[in-house]
Each structure stands twice: as C-alpha cells, then as structure tokens.
Amino acid sequence: MLPAKDGATPSADRLAALDALRRRVAIQSSADASEGVKARRVLFSLDLPAVDLHTALDALDNFERAIVEHDYRLVVAARRLRCLAVLDGIIRG
C-alpha cells in the first residue's frame, strides 16, 4: 500500500506513530539506541519540510544527549519540554 501524499499533512498512521513517539519522549528516562532509531524513522517517514525535520531531530538529539550526559534534572526536563513542544507543533500542523 502506498502512503498518502497530502502535501505536508501526515497520514493518520504517521500521526499515530508521531503521537506514540511523543508519549515515549514524555516518559523517557534513559537513552536507548534502538528507540532512538525508531524515533528518527518516524520523523523521516513524515516527509516534513527540511526545516521542520531539522528542528525535530535537533530537539530529540539535545534531549537524548542530556539524558546520556546526566545533566541536572532541570536541564533534562527543559530539553524534554522543548522536544515535546516541537513534536506538538508537528502534530498540530
């Protein structure tokens, strides 16, 4: 089955995957390489404009880096909120 092409609007399946990604980020407490790969696959599958894709990948990278580097909890929380805000923006369109 071919994915629907509605311009920059993700299909229902892709939005569901993006929503699942958002929920994982909201509760994530450790960095897992396989989950990171899944997250990036979801983002790449959305056919986002390059600027939006770069912003989402950057926010995800910064959040995961904060977890790995064991920054202060406030830094991890701030980066999590930034990542969630970017994902919410993509979900809203």
PDB file of N, CA and C in Angstrom:
ATOM      1  N   MET A   1       0.849  -1.173   0.000  1.00  0.00           N
ATOM      2  CA  MET A   1       0.000   0.000   0.000  1.00  0.00           C
ATOM      3  C   MET A   1       0.897   1.240   0.000  1.00  0.00           C
ATOM      4  N   LEU A   2       0.593   2.177  -0.846  1.00  0.00           N
ATOM      5  CA  LEU A   2       1.384   3.397  -0.941  1.00  0.00           C
ATOM      6  C   LEU A   2       0.925   4.411   0.088  1.00  0.00           C
ATOM      7  N   PRO A   3       1.859   5.141   0.671  1.00  0.00           N
ATOM      8  CA  PRO A   3       1.464   6.168   1.638  1.00  0.00           C
ATOM      9  C   PRO A   3       0.734   7.307   0.941  1.00  0.00           C
ATOM     10  N   ALA A   4      -0.213   7.875   1.650  1.00  0.00           N
ATOM     11  CA  ALA A   4      -0.954   9.013   1.111  1.00  0.00           C
ATOM     12  C   ALA A   4      -0.044  10.227   1.064  1.00  0.00           C
ATOM     13  N   LYS A   5      -0.154  10.993   0.005  1.00  0.00           N
ATOM     14  CA  LYS A   5       0.631  12.214  -0.130  1.00  0.00           C
ATOM     15  C   LYS A   5      -0.314  13.400  -0.092  1.00  0.00           C
ATOM     16  N   ASP A   6      -0.408  14.034   1.028  1.00  0.00           N
ATOM     17  CA  ASP A   6      -1.272  15.200   1.200  1.00  0.00           C
ATOM     18  C   ASP A   6      -0.431  16.434   1.432  1.00  0.00           C
ATOM     19  N   GLY A   7       0.605  16.616   0.661  1.00  0.00           N
ATOM     20  CA  GLY A   7       1.497  17.743   0.913  1.00  0.00           C
ATOM     21  C   GLY A   7       2.268  17.494   2.194  1.00  0.00           C
ATOM     22  N   ALA A   8       2.225  18.459   3.113  1.00  0.00           N
ATOM     23  CA  ALA A   8       2.962  18.338   4.371  1.00  0.00           C
ATOM     24  C   ALA A   8       2.114  17.716   5.470  1.00  0.00           C
ATOM     25  N   THR A   9       0.863  17.333   5.164  1.00  0.00           N
ATOM     26  CA  THR A   9      -0.016  16.766   6.179  1.00  0.00           C
ATOM     27  C   THR A   9       0.245  15.271   6.299  1.00  0.00           C
ATOM     28  N   PRO A  10       0.707  14.806   7.447  1.00  0.00           N
ATOM     29  CA  PRO A  10       0.971  13.381   7.617  1.00  0.00           C
ATOM     30  C   PRO A  10      -0.327  12.575   7.626  1.00  0.00           C
ATOM     31  N   SER A  11      -0.260  11.330   7.171  1.00  0.00           N
ATOM     32  CA  SER A  11      -1.417  10.449   7.174  1.00  0.00           C
ATOM     33  C   SER A  11      -1.771  10.073   8.612  1.00  0.00           C
ATOM     34  N   ALA A  12      -2.941   9.453   8.767  1.00  0.00           N
ATOM     35  CA  ALA A  12      -3.403   9.050  10.100  1.00  0.00           C
ATOM     36  C   ALA A  12      -2.430   8.072  10.748  1.00  0.00           C
ATOM     37  N   ASP A  13      -1.875   7.137   9.961  1.00  0.00           N
ATOM     38  CA  ASP A  13      -0.911   6.176  10.507  1.00  0.00           C
ATOM     39  C   ASP A  13       0.354   6.871  10.988  1.00  0.00           C
ATOM     40  N   ARG A  14       0.803   7.822  10.221  1.00  0.00           N
ATOM     41  CA  ARG A  14       2.012   8.552  10.595  1.00  0.00           C
ATOM     42  C   ARG A  14       1.756   9.432  11.812  1.00  0.00           C
ATOM     43  N   LEU A  15       0.581  10.025  11.878  1.00  0.00           N
ATOM     44  CA  LEU A  15       0.251  10.820  13.070  1.00  0.00           C
ATOM     45  C   LEU A  15       0.174   9.942  14.308  1.00  0.00           C
ATOM     46  N   ALA A  16      -0.339   8.734  14.151  1.00  0.00           N
ATOM     47  CA  ALA A  16      -0.389   7.797  15.280  1.00  0.00           C
ATOM     48  C   ALA A  16       1.021   7.434  15.730  1.00  0.00           C
ATOM     49  N   ALA A  17       1.922   7.209  14.773  1.00  0.00           N
ATOM     50  CA  ALA A  17       3.320   6.905  15.114  1.00  0.00           C
ATOM     51  C   ALA A  17       3.978   8.105  15.782  1.00  0.00           C
ATOM     52  N   LEU A  18       3.676   9.294  15.303  1.00  0.00           N
ATOM     53  CA  LEU A  18       4.228  10.515  15.897  1.00  0.00           C
ATOM     54  C   LEU A  18       3.692  10.714  17.314  1.00  0.00           C
ATOM     55  N   ASP A  19       2.415  10.426  17.514  1.00  0.00           N
ATOM     56  CA  ASP A  19       1.828  10.536  18.843  1.00  0.00           C
ATOM     57  C   ASP A  19       2.457   9.525  19.801  1.00  0.00           C
ATOM     58  N   ALA A  20       2.705   8.314  19.314  1.00  0.00           N
ATOM     59  CA  ALA A  20       3.386   7.304  20.139  1.00  0.00           C
ATOM     60  C   ALA A  20       4.796   7.763  20.496  1.00  0.00           C
ATOM     61  N   LEU A  21       5.485   8.373  19.532  1.00  0.00           N
ATOM     62  CA  LEU A  21       6.817   8.923  19.795  1.00  0.00           C
ATOM     63  C   LEU A  21       6.742   9.996  20.868  1.00  0.00           C
ATOM     64  N   ARG A  22       5.753  10.855  20.776  1.00  0.00           N
ATOM     65  CA  ARG A  22       5.581  11.920  21.762  1.00  0.00           C
ATOM     66  C   ARG A  22       5.367  11.343  23.161  1.00  0.00           C
ATOM     67  N   ARG A  23       4.555  10.309  23.252  1.00  0.00           N
ATOM     68  CA  ARG A  23       4.306   9.671  24.560  1.00  0.00           C
ATOM     69  C   ARG A  23       5.584   9.046  25.120  1.00  0.00           C
ATOM     70  N   ARG A  24       6.397   8.428  24.237  1.00  0.00           N
ATOM     71  CA  ARG A  24       7.664   7.836  24.700  1.00  0.00           C
ATOM     72  C   ARG A  24       8.607   8.906  25.219  1.00  0.00           C
ATOM     73  N   VAL A  25       8.696  10.022  24.515  1.00  0.00           N
ATOM     74  CA  VAL A  25       9.566  11.112  24.956  1.00  0.00           C
ATOM     75  C   VAL A  25       9.084  11.650  26.305  1.00  0.00           C
ATOM     76  N   ALA A  26       7.775  11.727  26.476  1.00  0.00           N
ATOM     77  CA  ALA A  26       7.216  12.275  27.716  1.00  0.00           C
ATOM     78  C   ALA A  26       7.595  11.459  28.949  1.00  0.00           C
ATOM     79  N   ILE A  27       7.811  10.155  28.775  1.00  0.00           N
ATOM     80  CA  ILE A  27       8.130   9.307  29.933  1.00  0.00           C
ATOM     81  C   ILE A  27       9.558   8.779  29.920  1.00  0.00           C
ATOM     82  N   GLN A  28      10.313   9.093  28.886  1.00  0.00           N
ATOM     83  CA  GLN A  28      11.661   8.548  28.724  1.00  0.00           C
ATOM     84  C   GLN A  28      12.589   9.001  29.838  1.00  0.00           C
ATOM     85  N   SER A  29      13.297   8.025  30.421  1.00  0.00           N
ATOM     86  CA  SER A  29      14.233   8.362  31.488  1.00  0.00           C
ATOM     87  C   SER A  29      15.653   7.881  31.188  1.00  0.00           C
ATOM     88  N   SER A  30      15.795   7.100  30.113  1.00  0.00           N
ATOM     89  CA  SER A  30      17.126   6.662  29.713  1.00  0.00           C
ATOM     90  C   SER A  30      17.196   6.638  28.191  1.00  0.00           C
ATOM     91  N   ALA A  31      18.405   6.757  27.679  1.00  0.00           N
ATOM     92  CA  ALA A  31      18.594   6.741  26.228  1.00  0.00           C
ATOM     93  C   ALA A  31      18.805   5.302  25.777  1.00  0.00           C
ATOM     94  N   ASP A  32      18.059   4.888  24.779  1.00  0.00           N
ATOM     95  CA  ASP A  32      18.139   3.547  24.225  1.00  0.00           C
ATOM     96  C   ASP A  32      18.370   3.697  22.723  1.00  0.00           C
ATOM     97  N   ALA A  33      19.435   3.116  22.225  1.00  0.00           N
ATOM     98  CA  ALA A  33      19.797   3.288  20.815  1.00  0.00           C
ATOM     99  C   ALA A  33      18.686   2.817  19.879  1.00  0.00           C
ATOM    100  N   SER A  34      18.068   1.687  20.182  1.00  0.00           N
ATOM    101  CA  SER A  34      17.021   1.183  19.287  1.00  0.00           C
ATOM    102  C   SER A  34      15.804   2.107  19.277  1.00  0.00           C
ATOM    103  N   GLU A  35      15.466   2.666  20.420  1.00  0.00           N
ATOM    104  CA  GLU A  35      14.355   3.615  20.474  1.00  0.00           C
ATOM    105  C   GLU A  35      14.697   4.895  19.722  1.00  0.00           C
ATOM    106  N   GLY A  36      15.955   5.305  19.787  1.00  0.00           N
ATOM    107  CA  GLY A  36      16.392   6.478  19.046  1.00  0.00           C
ATOM    108  C   GLY A  36      16.272   6.274  17.543  1.00  0.00           C
ATOM    109  N   VAL A  37      16.616   5.073  17.085  1.00  0.00           N
ATOM    110  CA  VAL A  37      16.487   4.754  15.663  1.00  0.00           C
ATOM    111  C   VAL A  37      15.018   4.776  15.264  1.00  0.00           C
ATOM    112  N   LYS A  38      14.155   4.176  16.082  1.00  0.00           N
ATOM    113  CA  LYS A  38      12.706   4.178  15.791  1.00  0.00           C
ATOM    114  C   LYS A  38      12.174   5.602  15.729  1.00  0.00           C
ATOM    115  N   ALA A  39      12.607   6.434  16.656  1.00  0.00           N
ATOM    116  CA  ALA A  39      12.139   7.820  16.688  1.00  0.00           C
ATOM    117  C   ALA A  39      12.536   8.545  15.413  1.00  0.00           C
ATOM    118  N   ARG A  40      13.751   8.342  14.971  1.00  0.00           N
ATOM    119  CA  ARG A  40      14.208   9.020  13.760  1.00  0.00           C
ATOM    120  C   ARG A  40      13.507   8.486  12.524  1.00  0.00           C
ATOM    121  N   ARG A  41      13.209   7.193  12.505  1.00  0.00           N
ATOM    122  CA  ARG A  41      12.456   6.630  11.376  1.00  0.00           C
ATOM    123  C   ARG A  41      11.072   7.253  11.288  1.00  0.00           C
ATOM    124  N   VAL A  42      10.436   7.443  12.436  1.00  0.00           N
ATOM    125  CA  VAL A  42       9.125   8.096  12.446  1.00  0.00           C
ATOM    126  C   VAL A  42       9.239   9.497  11.864  1.00  0.00           C
ATOM    127  N   LEU A  43      10.219  10.244  12.319  1.00  0.00           N
ATOM    128  CA  LEU A  43      10.375  11.615  11.840  1.00  0.00           C
ATOM    129  C   LEU A  43      10.664  11.659  10.340  1.00  0.00           C
ATOM    130  N   PHE A  44      11.535  10.782   9.853  1.00  0.00           N
ATOM    131  CA  PHE A  44      11.852  10.774   8.428  1.00  0.00           C
ATOM    132  C   PHE A  44      10.664  10.319   7.585  1.00  0.00           C
ATOM    133  N   SER A  45       9.813   9.462   8.138  1.00  0.00           N
ATOM    134  CA  SER A  45       8.668   8.960   7.378  1.00  0.00           C
ATOM    135  C   SER A  45       7.585  10.011   7.176  1.00  0.00           C
ATOM    136  N   LEU A  46       7.653  11.103   7.905  1.00  0.00           N
ATOM    137  CA  LEU A  46       6.610  12.119   7.831  1.00  0.00           C
ATOM    138  C   LEU A  46       6.712  13.027   6.622  1.00  0.00           C
ATOM    139  N   ASP A  47       7.806  12.953   5.894  1.00  0.00           N
ATOM    140  CA  ASP A  47       8.031  13.828   4.739  1.00  0.00           C
ATOM    141  C   ASP A  47       7.855  15.295   5.116  1.00  0.00           C
ATOM    142  N   LEU A  48       8.458  15.675   6.228  1.00  0.00           N
ATOM    143  CA  LEU A  48       8.383  17.055   6.704  1.00  0.00           C
ATOM    144  C   LEU A  48       9.265  17.962   5.860  1.00  0.00           C
ATOM    145  N   PRO A  49       8.944  19.251   5.832  1.00  0.00           N
ATOM    146  CA  PRO A  49       9.886  20.192   5.217  1.00  0.00           C
ATOM    147  C   PRO A  49      11.227  20.101   5.951  1.00  0.00           C
ATOM    148  N   ALA A  50      12.298  20.360   5.241  1.00  0.00           N
ATOM    149  CA  ALA A  50      13.647  20.197   5.795  1.00  0.00           C
ATOM    150  C   ALA A  50      13.844  20.975   7.086  1.00  0.00           C
ATOM    151  N   VAL A  51      13.301  22.166   7.162  1.00  0.00           N
ATOM    152  CA  VAL A  51      13.468  22.990   8.365  1.00  0.00           C
ATOM    153  C   VAL A  51      12.792  22.329   9.563  1.00  0.00           C
ATOM    154  N   ASP A  52      11.579  21.817   9.371  1.00  0.00           N
ATOM    155  CA  ASP A  52      10.863  21.160  10.468  1.00  0.00           C
ATOM    156  C   ASP A  52      11.553  19.868  10.888  1.00  0.00           C
ATOM    157  N   LEU A  53      12.023  19.107   9.906  1.00  0.00           N
ATOM    158  CA  LEU A  53      12.730  17.865  10.211  1.00  0.00           C
ATOM    159  C   LEU A  53      14.001  18.156  10.999  1.00  0.00           C
ATOM    160  N   HIS A  54      14.759  19.152  10.565  1.00  0.00           N
ATOM    161  CA  HIS A  54      15.987  19.517  11.261  1.00  0.00           C
ATOM    162  C   HIS A  54      15.686  19.962  12.689  1.00  0.00           C
ATOM    163  N   THR A  55      14.651  20.757  12.877  1.00  0.00           N
ATOM    164  CA  THR A  55      14.281  21.229  14.218  1.00  0.00           C
ATOM    165  C   THR A  55      13.895  20.058  15.117  1.00  0.00           C
ATOM    166  N   ALA A  56      13.111  19.119  14.589  1.00  0.00           N
ATOM    167  CA  ALA A  56      12.687  17.958  15.378  1.00  0.00           C
ATOM    168  C   ALA A  56      13.870  17.071  15.733  1.00  0.00           C
ATOM    169  N   LEU A  57      14.746  16.814  14.761  1.00  0.00           N
ATOM    170  CA  LEU A  57      15.915  15.979  15.031  1.00  0.00           C
ATOM    171  C   LEU A  57      16.849  16.640  16.042  1.00  0.00           C
ATOM    172  N   ASP A  58      17.022  17.947  15.923  1.00  0.00           N
ATOM    173  CA  ASP A  58      17.872  18.682  16.852  1.00  0.00           C
ATOM    174  C   ASP A  58      17.308  18.624  18.270  1.00  0.00           C
ATOM    175  N   ALA A  59      16.006  18.814  18.404  1.00  0.00           N
ATOM    176  CA  ALA A  59      15.385  18.759  19.736  1.00  0.00           C
ATOM    177  C   ALA A  59      15.507  17.365  20.340  1.00  0.00           C
ATOM    178  N   LEU A  60      15.307  16.334  19.526  1.00  0.00           N
ATOM    179  CA  LEU A  60      15.437  14.958  20.003  1.00  0.00           C
ATOM    180  C   LEU A  60      16.877  14.651  20.398  1.00  0.00           C
ATOM    181  N   ASP A  61      17.832  15.074  19.575  1.00  0.00           N
ATOM    182  CA  ASP A  61      19.250  14.862  19.894  1.00  0.00           C
ATOM    183  C   ASP A  61      19.639  15.551  21.199  1.00  0.00           C
ATOM    184  N   ASN A  62      19.225  16.795  21.355  1.00  0.00           N
ATOM    185  CA  ASN A  62      19.554  17.538  22.580  1.00  0.00           C
ATOM    186  C   ASN A  62      18.956  16.883  23.812  1.00  0.00           C
ATOM    187  N   PHE A  63      17.739  16.401  23.695  1.00  0.00           N
ATOM    188  CA  PHE A  63      17.096  15.725  24.825  1.00  0.00           C
ATOM    189  C   PHE A  63      17.836  14.440  25.173  1.00  0.00           C
ATOM    190  N   GLU A  64      18.115  13.611  24.171  1.00  0.00           N
ATOM    191  CA  GLU A  64      18.813  12.354  24.438  1.00  0.00           C
ATOM    192  C   GLU A  64      20.221  12.603  24.975  1.00  0.00           C
ATOM    193  N   ARG A  65      20.884  13.610  24.464  1.00  0.00           N
ATOM    194  CA  ARG A  65      22.225  13.945  24.959  1.00  0.00           C
ATOM    195  C   ARG A  65      22.178  14.336  26.430  1.00  0.00           C
ATOM    196  N   ALA A  66      21.162  15.083  26.807  1.00  0.00           N
ATOM    197  CA  ALA A  66      21.026  15.485  28.213  1.00  0.00           C
ATOM    198  C   ALA A  66      20.872  14.265  29.109  1.00  0.00           C
ATOM    199  N   ILE A  67      20.125  13.281  28.650  1.00  0.00           N
ATOM    200  CA  ILE A  67      19.952  12.056  29.445  1.00  0.00           C
ATOM    201  C   ILE A  67      21.279  11.325  29.575  1.00  0.00           C
ATOM    202  N   VAL A  68      21.973  11.150  28.453  1.00  0.00           N
ATOM    203  CA  VAL A  68      23.228  10.392  28.446  1.00  0.00           C
ATOM    204  C   VAL A  68      24.307  11.074  29.278  1.00  0.00           C
ATOM    205  N   GLU A  69      24.380  12.378  29.186  1.00  0.00           N
ATOM    206  CA  GLU A  69      25.419  13.104  29.904  1.00  0.00           C
ATOM    207  C   GLU A  69      25.072  13.332  31.367  1.00  0.00           C
ATOM    208  N   HIS A  70      23.911  12.876  31.794  1.00  0.00           N
ATOM    209  CA  HIS A  70      23.477  13.010  33.182  1.00  0.00           C
ATOM    210  C   HIS A  70      23.526  14.457  33.658  1.00  0.00           C
ATOM    211  N   ASP A  71      23.014  15.341  32.813  1.00  0.00           N
ATOM    212  CA  ASP A  71      22.910  16.739  33.223  1.00  0.00           C
ATOM    213  C   ASP A  71      21.948  16.849  34.405  1.00  0.00           C
ATOM    214  N   TYR A  72      21.897  18.007  34.968  1.00  0.00           N
ATOM    215  CA  TYR A  72      20.947  18.231  36.048  1.00  0.00           C
ATOM    216  C   TYR A  72      19.546  17.902  35.577  1.00  0.00           C
ATOM    217  N   ARG A  73      18.703  17.447  36.498  1.00  0.00           N
ATOM    218  CA  ARG A  73      17.333  17.085  36.138  1.00  0.00           C
ATOM    219  C   ARG A  73      16.581  18.239  35.504  1.00  0.00           C
ATOM    220  N   LEU A  74      16.901  19.459  35.914  1.00  0.00           N
ATOM    221  CA  LEU A  74      16.229  20.616  35.329  1.00  0.00           C
ATOM    222  C   LEU A  74      16.593  20.774  33.856  1.00  0.00           C
ATOM    223  N   VAL A  75      17.836  20.473  33.497  1.00  0.00           N
ATOM    224  CA  VAL A  75      18.260  20.559  32.101  1.00  0.00           C
ATOM    225  C   VAL A  75      17.547  19.489  31.282  1.00  0.00           C
ATOM    226  N   VAL A  76      17.495  18.276  31.801  1.00  0.00           N
ATOM    227  CA  VAL A  76      16.799  17.187  31.107  1.00  0.00           C
ATOM    228  C   VAL A  76      15.321  17.546  30.935  1.00  0.00           C
ATOM    229  N   ALA A  77      14.703  18.075  31.977  1.00  0.00           N
ATOM    230  CA  ALA A  77      13.287  18.452  31.899  1.00  0.00           C
ATOM    231  C   ALA A  77      13.063  19.561  30.875  1.00  0.00           C
ATOM    232  N   ALA A  78      13.943  20.533  30.846  1.00  0.00           N
ATOM    233  CA  ALA A  78      13.808  21.632  29.891  1.00  0.00           C
ATOM    234  C   ALA A  78      13.961  21.126  28.456  1.00  0.00           C
ATOM    235  N   ARG A  79      14.911  20.244  28.235  1.00  0.00           N
ATOM    236  CA  ARG A  79      15.107  19.707  26.887  1.00  0.00           C
ATOM    237  C   ARG A  79      13.957  18.776  26.492  1.00  0.00           C
ATOM    238  N   ARG A  80      13.408  18.059  27.458  1.00  0.00           N
ATOM    239  CA  ARG A  80      12.237  17.217  27.192  1.00  0.00           C
ATOM    240  C   ARG A  80      11.066  18.107  26.761  1.00  0.00           C
ATOM    241  N   LEU A  81      10.836  19.192  27.496  1.00  0.00           N
ATOM    242  CA  LEU A  81       9.736  20.093  27.165  1.00  0.00           C
ATOM    243  C   LEU A  81       9.920  20.710  25.778  1.00  0.00           C
ATOM    244  N   ARG A  82      11.150  21.056  25.433  1.00  0.00           N
ATOM    245  CA  ARG A  82      11.427  21.612  24.104  1.00  0.00           C
ATOM    246  C   ARG A  82      11.124  20.580  23.028  1.00  0.00           C
ATOM    247  N   CYS A  83      11.539  19.353  23.246  1.00  0.00           N
ATOM    248  CA  CYS A  83      11.286  18.279  22.286  1.00  0.00           C
ATOM    249  C   CYS A  83       9.785  18.043  22.144  1.00  0.00           C
ATOM    250  N   LEU A  84       9.076  18.014  23.255  1.00  0.00           N
ATOM    251  CA  LEU A  84       7.621  17.825  23.215  1.00  0.00           C
ATOM    252  C   LEU A  84       6.941  18.971  22.488  1.00  0.00           C
ATOM    253  N   ALA A  85       7.413  20.182  22.691  1.00  0.00           N
ATOM    254  CA  ALA A  85       6.830  21.348  22.015  1.00  0.00           C
ATOM    255  C   ALA A  85       7.011  21.241  20.503  1.00  0.00           C
ATOM    256  N   VAL A  86       8.175  20.797  20.071  1.00  0.00           N
ATOM    257  CA  VAL A  86       8.428  20.629  18.636  1.00  0.00           C
ATOM    258  C   VAL A  86       7.512  19.542  18.069  1.00  0.00           C
ATOM    259  N   LEU A  87       7.418  18.410  18.771  1.00  0.00           N
ATOM    260  CA  LEU A  87       6.545  17.330  18.316  1.00  0.00           C
ATOM    261  C   LEU A  87       5.076  17.777  18.292  1.00  0.00           C
ATOM    262  N   ASP A  88       4.660  18.533  19.295  1.00  0.00           N
ATOM    263  CA  ASP A  88       3.294  19.045  19.316  1.00  0.00           C
ATOM    264  C   ASP A  88       3.033  19.962  18.122  1.00  0.00           C
ATOM    265  N   GLY A  89       4.009  20.767  17.784  1.00  0.00           N
ATOM    266  CA  GLY A  89       3.874  21.652  16.636  1.00  0.00           C
ATOM    267  C   GLY A  89       3.694  20.870  15.336  1.00  0.00           C
ATOM    268  N   ILE A  90       4.412  19.767  15.208  1.00  0.00           N
ATOM    269  CA  ILE A  90       4.285  18.926  14.020  1.00  0.00           C
ATOM    270  C   ILE A  90       2.910  18.257  14.000  1.00  0.00           C
ATOM    271  N   ILE A  91       2.469  17.780  15.151  1.00  0.00           N
ATOM    272  CA  ILE A  91       1.161  17.125  15.233  1.00  0.00           C
ATOM    273  C   ILE A  91       0.051  18.100  14.858  1.00  0.00           C
ATOM    274  N   ARG A  92       0.133  19.326  15.350  1.00  0.00           N
ATOM    275  CA  ARG A  92      -0.885  20.332  15.054  1.00  0.00           C
ATOM    276  C   ARG A  92      -0.839  20.772  13.592  1.00  0.00           C
ATOM    277  N   GLY A  93       0.323  20.621  12.985  1.00  0.00           N
ATOM    278  CA  GLY A  93       0.459  21.020  11.577  1.00  0.00           C
ATOM    279  C   GLY A  93       0.753  22.436  11.485  1.00  0.00           C
TER     280      GLY A  93
END
